[in-house]
Amino acid sequence: MIFIAATRDEKIRAFDKMTGKLLWQADLPAAGIATPTVYEVNGKEYIVIACGGGGKQLTKSGDKYVAFALPAVNSSAAGSH
């Protein structure tokens, strides 16, 4: 899975890295012209993105970080790929 938010439309998206198929998208408070980061707390995974916008992209400025919880993966299914 690949996450990207480097667009002017204020969205973050997840794509299947093998097929390019869009798997998920969500609205952001400003353009996420930043690299998303994945982290884990107590076994739960999250993705966070800085939503700053503005600058050379000429998008609305923002000052927020937005985090999304990733769905749990069945450990037996995860090893079967």
PDB file of N, CA and C in Angstrom:
ATOM      1  N   MET A   1       0.850  -1.165   0.000  1.00  0.00           N
ATOM      2  CA  MET A   1       0.000   0.000   0.000  1.00  0.00           C
ATOM      3  C   MET A   1       0.898   1.232   0.000  1.00  0.00           C
ATOM      4  N   ILE A   2       0.501   2.227  -0.774  1.00  0.00           N
ATOM      5  CA  ILE A   2       1.221   3.499  -0.848  1.00  0.00           C
ATOM      6  C   ILE A   2       0.261   4.618  -0.467  1.00  0.00           C
ATOM      7  N   PHE A   3       0.700   5.483   0.442  1.00  0.00           N
ATOM      8  CA  PHE A   3      -0.079   6.646   0.841  1.00  0.00           C
ATOM      9  C   PHE A   3       0.510   7.878   0.182  1.00  0.00           C
ATOM     10  N   ILE A   4      -0.346   8.776  -0.299  1.00  0.00           N
ATOM     11  CA  ILE A   4       0.118  10.029  -0.895  1.00  0.00           C
ATOM     12  C   ILE A   4      -0.913  11.121  -0.638  1.00  0.00           C
ATOM     13  N   ALA A   5      -0.397  12.319  -0.384  1.00  0.00           N
ATOM     14  CA  ALA A   5      -1.282  13.474  -0.169  1.00  0.00           C
ATOM     15  C   ALA A   5      -0.726  14.702  -0.877  1.00  0.00           C
ATOM     16  N   ALA A   6       0.222  14.523  -1.764  1.00  0.00           N
ATOM     17  CA  ALA A   6       0.896  15.643  -2.439  1.00  0.00           C
ATOM     18  C   ALA A   6       0.070  16.149  -3.620  1.00  0.00           C
ATOM     19  N   THR A   7      -1.153  16.564  -3.320  1.00  0.00           N
ATOM     20  CA  THR A   7      -2.050  17.098  -4.346  1.00  0.00           C
ATOM     21  C   THR A   7      -2.677  18.386  -3.834  1.00  0.00           C
ATOM     22  N   ARG A   8      -3.198  19.168  -4.740  1.00  0.00           N
ATOM     23  CA  ARG A   8      -3.809  20.445  -4.365  1.00  0.00           C
ATOM     24  C   ARG A   8      -5.260  20.290  -3.913  1.00  0.00           C
ATOM     25  N   ASP A   9      -5.838  19.105  -4.013  1.00  0.00           N
ATOM     26  CA  ASP A   9      -7.265  18.930  -3.712  1.00  0.00           C
ATOM     27  C   ASP A   9      -7.572  18.601  -2.250  1.00  0.00           C
ATOM     28  N   GLU A  10      -6.583  18.706  -1.375  1.00  0.00           N
ATOM     29  CA  GLU A  10      -6.787  18.522   0.070  1.00  0.00           C
ATOM     30  C   GLU A  10      -7.303  17.126   0.417  1.00  0.00           C
ATOM     31  N   LYS A  11      -6.727  16.104  -0.208  1.00  0.00           N
ATOM     32  CA  LYS A  11      -7.090  14.718   0.079  1.00  0.00           C
ATOM     33  C   LYS A  11      -5.832  13.903   0.334  1.00  0.00           C
ATOM     34  N   ILE A  12      -5.977  12.832   1.098  1.00  0.00           N
ATOM     35  CA  ILE A  12      -4.944  11.822   1.249  1.00  0.00           C
ATOM     36  C   ILE A  12      -5.519  10.545   0.668  1.00  0.00           C
ATOM     37  N   ARG A  13      -4.677   9.774   0.000  1.00  0.00           N
ATOM     38  CA  ARG A  13      -5.151   8.555  -0.663  1.00  0.00           C
ATOM     39  C   ARG A  13      -4.211   7.385  -0.386  1.00  0.00           C
ATOM     40  N   ALA A  14      -4.778   6.189  -0.450  1.00  0.00           N
ATOM     41  CA  ALA A  14      -3.999   4.959  -0.368  1.00  0.00           C
ATOM     42  C   ALA A  14      -4.235   4.182  -1.655  1.00  0.00           C
ATOM     43  N   PHE A  15      -3.145   3.713  -2.255  1.00  0.00           N
ATOM     44  CA  PHE A  15      -3.210   2.935  -3.488  1.00  0.00           C
ATOM     45  C   PHE A  15      -2.571   1.574  -3.280  1.00  0.00           C
ATOM     46  N   ASP A  16      -3.075   0.586  -3.984  1.00  0.00           N
ATOM     47  CA  ASP A  16      -2.438  -0.723  -4.025  1.00  0.00           C
ATOM     48  C   ASP A  16      -1.145  -0.552  -4.826  1.00  0.00           C
ATOM     49  N   LYS A  17      -0.006  -0.885  -4.241  1.00  0.00           N
ATOM     50  CA  LYS A  17       1.264  -0.633  -4.915  1.00  0.00           C
ATOM     51  C   LYS A  17       1.497  -1.551  -6.113  1.00  0.00           C
ATOM     52  N   MET A  18       0.776  -2.646  -6.208  1.00  0.00           N
ATOM     53  CA  MET A  18       0.942  -3.560  -7.342  1.00  0.00           C
ATOM     54  C   MET A  18       0.035  -3.204  -8.526  1.00  0.00           C
ATOM     55  N   THR A  19      -1.173  -2.749  -8.229  1.00  0.00           N
ATOM     56  CA  THR A  19      -2.148  -2.508  -9.302  1.00  0.00           C
ATOM     57  C   THR A  19      -2.409  -1.023  -9.563  1.00  0.00           C
ATOM     58  N   GLY A  20      -2.079  -0.174  -8.599  1.00  0.00           N
ATOM     59  CA  GLY A  20      -2.383   1.248  -8.718  1.00  0.00           C
ATOM     60  C   GLY A  20      -3.826   1.588  -8.366  1.00  0.00           C
ATOM     61  N   LYS A  21      -4.605   0.587  -7.961  1.00  0.00           N
ATOM     62  CA  LYS A  21      -6.013   0.797  -7.625  1.00  0.00           C
ATOM     63  C   LYS A  21      -6.144   1.665  -6.374  1.00  0.00           C
ATOM     64  N   LEU A  22      -7.056   2.644  -6.433  1.00  0.00           N
ATOM     65  CA  LEU A  22      -7.361   3.476  -5.279  1.00  0.00           C
ATOM     66  C   LEU A  22      -8.081   2.630  -4.241  1.00  0.00           C
ATOM     67  N   LEU A  23      -7.539   2.566  -3.026  1.00  0.00           N
ATOM     68  CA  LEU A  23      -8.129   1.760  -1.957  1.00  0.00           C
ATOM     69  C   LEU A  23      -8.911   2.590  -0.944  1.00  0.00           C
ATOM     70  N   TRP A  24      -8.501   3.845  -0.771  1.00  0.00           N
ATOM     71  CA  TRP A  24      -9.098   4.686   0.277  1.00  0.00           C
ATOM     72  C   TRP A  24      -8.710   6.127   0.013  1.00  0.00           C
ATOM     73  N   GLN A  25      -9.566   7.066   0.434  1.00  0.00           N
ATOM     74  CA  GLN A  25      -9.216   8.478   0.421  1.00  0.00           C
ATOM     75  C   GLN A  25      -9.988   9.192   1.501  1.00  0.00           C
ATOM     76  N   ALA A  26      -9.434  10.318   1.956  1.00  0.00           N
ATOM     77  CA  ALA A  26     -10.081  11.123   2.990  1.00  0.00           C
ATOM     78  C   ALA A  26      -9.745  12.588   2.759  1.00  0.00           C
ATOM     79  N   ASP A  27     -10.645  13.457   3.215  1.00  0.00           N
ATOM     80  CA  ASP A  27     -10.432  14.899   3.121  1.00  0.00           C
ATOM     81  C   ASP A  27      -9.474  15.362   4.210  1.00  0.00           C
ATOM     82  N   LEU A  28      -8.683  16.391   3.888  1.00  0.00           N
ATOM     83  CA  LEU A  28      -7.773  17.017   4.835  1.00  0.00           C
ATOM     84  C   LEU A  28      -8.178  18.478   5.014  1.00  0.00           C
ATOM     85  N   PRO A  29      -7.788  19.119   6.130  1.00  0.00           N
ATOM     86  CA  PRO A  29      -8.155  20.521   6.344  1.00  0.00           C
ATOM     87  C   PRO A  29      -7.385  21.493   5.447  1.00  0.00           C
ATOM     88  N   ALA A  30      -6.269  21.073   4.884  1.00  0.00           N
ATOM     89  CA  ALA A  30      -5.467  21.847   3.931  1.00  0.00           C
ATOM     90  C   ALA A  30      -4.639  20.827   3.162  1.00  0.00           C
ATOM     91  N   ALA A  31      -4.023  21.252   2.071  1.00  0.00           N
ATOM     92  CA  ALA A  31      -3.228  20.321   1.268  1.00  0.00           C
ATOM     93  C   ALA A  31      -2.121  19.689   2.110  1.00  0.00           C
ATOM     94  N   GLY A  32      -1.929  18.407   1.931  1.00  0.00           N
ATOM     95  CA  GLY A  32      -0.902  17.667   2.667  1.00  0.00           C
ATOM     96  C   GLY A  32       0.358  17.526   1.837  1.00  0.00           C
ATOM     97  N   ILE A  33       1.001  18.636   1.534  1.00  0.00           N
ATOM     98  CA  ILE A  33       2.218  18.608   0.725  1.00  0.00           C
ATOM     99  C   ILE A  33       3.366  18.209   1.647  1.00  0.00           C
ATOM    100  N   ALA A  34       3.334  16.955   2.106  1.00  0.00           N
ATOM    101  CA  ALA A  34       4.311  16.422   3.053  1.00  0.00           C
ATOM    102  C   ALA A  34       4.340  14.909   2.899  1.00  0.00           C
ATOM    103  N   THR A  35       5.337  14.287   3.483  1.00  0.00           N
ATOM    104  CA  THR A  35       5.443  12.835   3.450  1.00  0.00           C
ATOM    105  C   THR A  35       4.657  12.245   4.620  1.00  0.00           C
ATOM    106  N   PRO A  36       3.669  11.380   4.353  1.00  0.00           N
ATOM    107  CA  PRO A  36       2.935  10.736   5.449  1.00  0.00           C
ATOM    108  C   PRO A  36       3.862   9.802   6.230  1.00  0.00           C
ATOM    109  N   THR A  37       3.563   9.613   7.496  1.00  0.00           N
ATOM    110  CA  THR A  37       4.343   8.728   8.354  1.00  0.00           C
ATOM    111  C   THR A  37       3.407   7.724   9.011  1.00  0.00           C
ATOM    112  N   VAL A  38       3.851   6.487   9.100  1.00  0.00           N
ATOM    113  CA  VAL A  38       3.092   5.432   9.778  1.00  0.00           C
ATOM    114  C   VAL A  38       3.794   5.140  11.102  1.00  0.00           C
ATOM    115  N   TYR A  39       3.007   5.026  12.164  1.00  0.00           N
ATOM    116  CA  TYR A  39       3.565   4.692  13.466  1.00  0.00           C
ATOM    117  C   TYR A  39       2.627   3.742  14.197  1.00  0.00           C
ATOM    118  N   GLU A  40       3.102   3.162  15.285  1.00  0.00           N
ATOM    119  CA  GLU A  40       2.334   2.172  16.041  1.00  0.00           C
ATOM    120  C   GLU A  40       2.328   2.535  17.516  1.00  0.00           C
ATOM    121  N   VAL A  41       1.152   2.382  18.151  1.00  0.00           N
ATOM    122  CA  VAL A  41       0.994   2.580  19.591  1.00  0.00           C
ATOM    123  C   VAL A  41       0.189   1.410  20.122  1.00  0.00           C
ATOM    124  N   ASN A  42       0.748   0.670  21.053  1.00  0.00           N
ATOM    125  CA  ASN A  42       0.074  -0.481  21.668  1.00  0.00           C
ATOM    126  C   ASN A  42      -0.500  -1.446  20.631  1.00  0.00           C
ATOM    127  N   GLY A  43       0.262  -1.699  19.581  1.00  0.00           N
ATOM    128  CA  GLY A  43      -0.152  -2.660  18.565  1.00  0.00           C
ATOM    129  C   GLY A  43      -1.101  -2.112  17.508  1.00  0.00           C
ATOM    130  N   LYS A  44      -1.531  -0.871  17.618  1.00  0.00           N
ATOM    131  CA  LYS A  44      -2.437  -0.246  16.649  1.00  0.00           C
ATOM    132  C   LYS A  44      -1.614   0.677  15.751  1.00  0.00           C
ATOM    133  N   GLU A  45      -1.798   0.554  14.423  1.00  0.00           N
ATOM    134  CA  GLU A  45      -1.055   1.380  13.483  1.00  0.00           C
ATOM    135  C   GLU A  45      -1.857   2.616  13.072  1.00  0.00           C
ATOM    136  N   TYR A  46      -1.138   3.704  12.875  1.00  0.00           N
ATOM    137  CA  TYR A  46      -1.717   4.983  12.473  1.00  0.00           C
ATOM    138  C   TYR A  46      -0.893   5.574  11.342  1.00  0.00           C
ATOM    139  N   ILE A  47      -1.525   6.429  10.542  1.00  0.00           N
ATOM    140  CA  ILE A  47      -0.812   7.230   9.565  1.00  0.00           C
ATOM    141  C   ILE A  47      -1.087   8.683   9.899  1.00  0.00           C
ATOM    142  N   VAL A  48      -0.052   9.513   9.849  1.00  0.00           N
ATOM    143  CA  VAL A  48      -0.193  10.941  10.159  1.00  0.00           C
ATOM    144  C   VAL A  48       0.395  11.760   9.014  1.00  0.00           C
ATOM    145  N   ILE A  49      -0.222  12.910   8.752  1.00  0.00           N
ATOM    146  CA  ILE A  49       0.229  13.798   7.688  1.00  0.00           C
ATOM    147  C   ILE A  49       0.128  15.235   8.182  1.00  0.00           C
ATOM    148  N   ALA A  50       1.135  16.046   7.862  1.00  0.00           N
ATOM    149  CA  ALA A  50       1.083  17.480   8.148  1.00  0.00           C
ATOM    150  C   ALA A  50       0.285  18.151   7.039  1.00  0.00           C
ATOM    151  N   CYS A  51      -0.665  18.992   7.414  1.00  0.00           N
ATOM    152  CA  CYS A  51      -1.537  19.680   6.451  1.00  0.00           C
ATOM    153  C   CYS A  51      -1.229  21.168   6.515  1.00  0.00           C
ATOM    154  N   GLY A  52      -0.189  21.569   5.791  1.00  0.00           N
ATOM    155  CA  GLY A  52       0.261  22.951   5.839  1.00  0.00           C
ATOM    156  C   GLY A  52      -0.175  23.783   4.655  1.00  0.00           C
ATOM    157  N   GLY A  53      -0.319  23.119   3.494  1.00  0.00           N
ATOM    158  CA  GLY A  53      -0.733  23.836   2.289  1.00  0.00           C
ATOM    159  C   GLY A  53       0.120  25.048   2.022  1.00  0.00           C
ATOM    160  N   GLY A  54      -0.452  26.026   1.325  1.00  0.00           N
ATOM    161  CA  GLY A  54       0.211  27.300   1.061  1.00  0.00           C
ATOM    162  C   GLY A  54       1.426  27.177   0.160  1.00  0.00           C
ATOM    163  N   GLY A  55       2.340  28.109   0.282  1.00  0.00           N
ATOM    164  CA  GLY A  55       3.599  28.091  -0.442  1.00  0.00           C
ATOM    165  C   GLY A  55       3.447  28.176  -1.951  1.00  0.00           C
ATOM    166  N   LYS A  56       4.393  27.573  -2.643  1.00  0.00           N
ATOM    167  CA  LYS A  56       4.418  27.598  -4.109  1.00  0.00           C
ATOM    168  C   LYS A  56       3.222  26.897  -4.741  1.00  0.00           C
ATOM    169  N   GLN A  57       2.555  26.037  -3.980  1.00  0.00           N
ATOM    170  CA  GLN A  57       1.388  25.326  -4.502  1.00  0.00           C
ATOM    171  C   GLN A  57       0.160  26.222  -4.589  1.00  0.00           C
ATOM    172  N   LEU A  58       0.234  27.402  -3.958  1.00  0.00           N
ATOM    173  CA  LEU A  58      -0.871  28.368  -3.968  1.00  0.00           C
ATOM    174  C   LEU A  58      -2.179  27.757  -3.461  1.00  0.00           C
ATOM    175  N   THR A  59      -2.064  26.953  -2.413  1.00  0.00           N
ATOM    176  CA  THR A  59      -3.241  26.357  -1.793  1.00  0.00           C
ATOM    177  C   THR A  59      -3.513  27.061  -0.469  1.00  0.00           C
ATOM    178  N   LYS A  60      -4.680  26.815   0.085  1.00  0.00           N
ATOM    179  CA  LYS A  60      -5.058  27.362   1.394  1.00  0.00           C
ATOM    180  C   LYS A  60      -4.021  26.933   2.436  1.00  0.00           C
ATOM    181  N   SER A  61      -3.577  27.863   3.272  1.00  0.00           N
ATOM    182  CA  SER A  61      -2.619  27.534   4.326  1.00  0.00           C
ATOM    183  C   SER A  61      -3.322  26.803   5.466  1.00  0.00           C
ATOM    184  N   GLY A  62      -2.574  25.945   6.133  1.00  0.00           N
ATOM    185  CA  GLY A  62      -3.111  25.198   7.265  1.00  0.00           C
ATOM    186  C   GLY A  62      -2.040  25.023   8.324  1.00  0.00           C
ATOM    187  N   ASP A  63      -2.433  24.518   9.480  1.00  0.00           N
ATOM    188  CA  ASP A  63      -1.482  24.323  10.584  1.00  0.00           C
ATOM    189  C   ASP A  63      -1.860  23.110  11.427  1.00  0.00           C
ATOM    190  N   LYS A  64      -2.287  22.047  10.771  1.00  0.00           N
ATOM    191  CA  LYS A  64      -2.760  20.873  11.507  1.00  0.00           C
ATOM    192  C   LYS A  64      -1.992  19.613  11.098  1.00  0.00           C
ATOM    193  N   TYR A  65      -1.932  18.678  12.028  1.00  0.00           N
ATOM    194  CA  TYR A  65      -1.515  17.311  11.743  1.00  0.00           C
ATOM    195  C   TYR A  65      -2.774  16.460  11.849  1.00  0.00           C
ATOM    196  N   VAL A  66      -2.964  15.542  10.920  1.00  0.00           N
ATOM    197  CA  VAL A  66      -4.143  14.676  10.946  1.00  0.00           C
ATOM    198  C   VAL A  66      -3.654  13.231  10.982  1.00  0.00           C
ATOM    199  N   ALA A  67      -4.217  12.449  11.898  1.00  0.00           N
ATOM    200  CA  ALA A  67      -3.862  11.037  12.022  1.00  0.00           C
ATOM    201  C   ALA A  67      -5.093  10.182  11.764  1.00  0.00           C
ATOM    202  N   PHE A  68      -4.873   9.060  11.112  1.00  0.00           N
ATOM    203  CA  PHE A  68      -5.922   8.081  10.826  1.00  0.00           C
ATOM    204  C   PHE A  68      -5.477   6.748  11.387  1.00  0.00           C
ATOM    205  N   ALA A  69      -6.394   6.018  12.022  1.00  0.00           N
ATOM    206  CA  ALA A  69      -6.108   4.661  12.494  1.00  0.00           C
ATOM    207  C   ALA A  69      -6.241   3.702  11.318  1.00  0.00           C
ATOM    208  N   LEU A  70      -5.262   2.842  11.156  1.00  0.00           N
ATOM    209  CA  LEU A  70      -5.330   1.839  10.099  1.00  0.00           C
ATOM    210  C   LEU A  70      -6.105   0.631  10.606  1.00  0.00           C
ATOM    211  N   PRO A  71      -6.850  -0.041   9.725  1.00  0.00           N
ATOM    212  CA  PRO A  71      -7.606  -1.211  10.169  1.00  0.00           C
ATOM    213  C   PRO A  71      -6.677  -2.326  10.626  1.00  0.00           C
ATOM    214  N   ALA A  72      -7.145  -3.087  11.581  1.00  0.00           N
ATOM    215  CA  ALA A  72      -6.362  -4.227  12.070  1.00  0.00           C
ATOM    216  C   ALA A  72      -6.209  -5.261  10.963  1.00  0.00           C
ATOM    217  N   VAL A  73      -5.054  -5.896  10.936  1.00  0.00           N
ATOM    218  CA  VAL A  73      -4.782  -6.940   9.954  1.00  0.00           C
ATOM    219  C   VAL A  73      -4.763  -8.271  10.683  1.00  0.00           C
ATOM    220  N   ASN A  74      -5.506  -9.228  10.166  1.00  0.00           N
ATOM    221  CA  ASN A  74      -5.506 -10.575  10.729  1.00  0.00           C
ATOM    222  C   ASN A  74      -4.121 -11.159  10.537  1.00  0.00           C
ATOM    223  N   SER A  75      -3.433 -11.505  11.629  1.00  0.00           N
ATOM    224  CA  SER A  75      -2.040 -11.963  11.542  1.00  0.00           C
ATOM    225  C   SER A  75      -1.887 -13.225  10.711  1.00  0.00           C
ATOM    226  N   SER A  76      -2.873 -14.116  10.716  1.00  0.00           N
ATOM    227  CA  SER A  76      -2.766 -15.329   9.904  1.00  0.00           C
ATOM    228  C   SER A  76      -2.925 -14.993   8.419  1.00  0.00           C
ATOM    229  N   ALA A  77      -3.760 -14.001   8.102  1.00  0.00           N
ATOM    230  CA  ALA A  77      -3.927 -13.608   6.703  1.00  0.00           C
ATOM    231  C   ALA A  77      -2.728 -12.814   6.221  1.00  0.00           C
ATOM    232  N   ALA A  78      -2.105 -12.030   7.112  1.00  0.00           N
ATOM    233  CA  ALA A  78      -0.981 -11.198   6.706  1.00  0.00           C
ATOM    234  C   ALA A  78       0.197 -12.053   6.233  1.00  0.00           C
ATOM    235  N   GLY A  79       0.369 -13.214   6.824  1.00  0.00           N
ATOM    236  CA  GLY A  79       1.498 -14.063   6.450  1.00  0.00           C
ATOM    237  C   GLY A  79       1.218 -14.924   5.229  1.00  0.00           C
ATOM    238  N   SER A  80       0.027 -14.878   4.673  1.00  0.00           N
ATOM    239  CA  SER A  80      -0.315 -15.798   3.585  1.00  0.00           C
ATOM    240  C   SER A  80      -0.058 -15.215   2.206  1.00  0.00           C
ATOM    241  N   HIS A  81       0.485 -14.014   2.097  1.00  0.00           N
ATOM    242  CA  HIS A  81       0.712 -13.397   0.774  1.00  0.00           C
ATOM    243  C   HIS A  81       1.989 -13.881   0.151  1.00  0.00           C
TER     244      HIS A  81
END
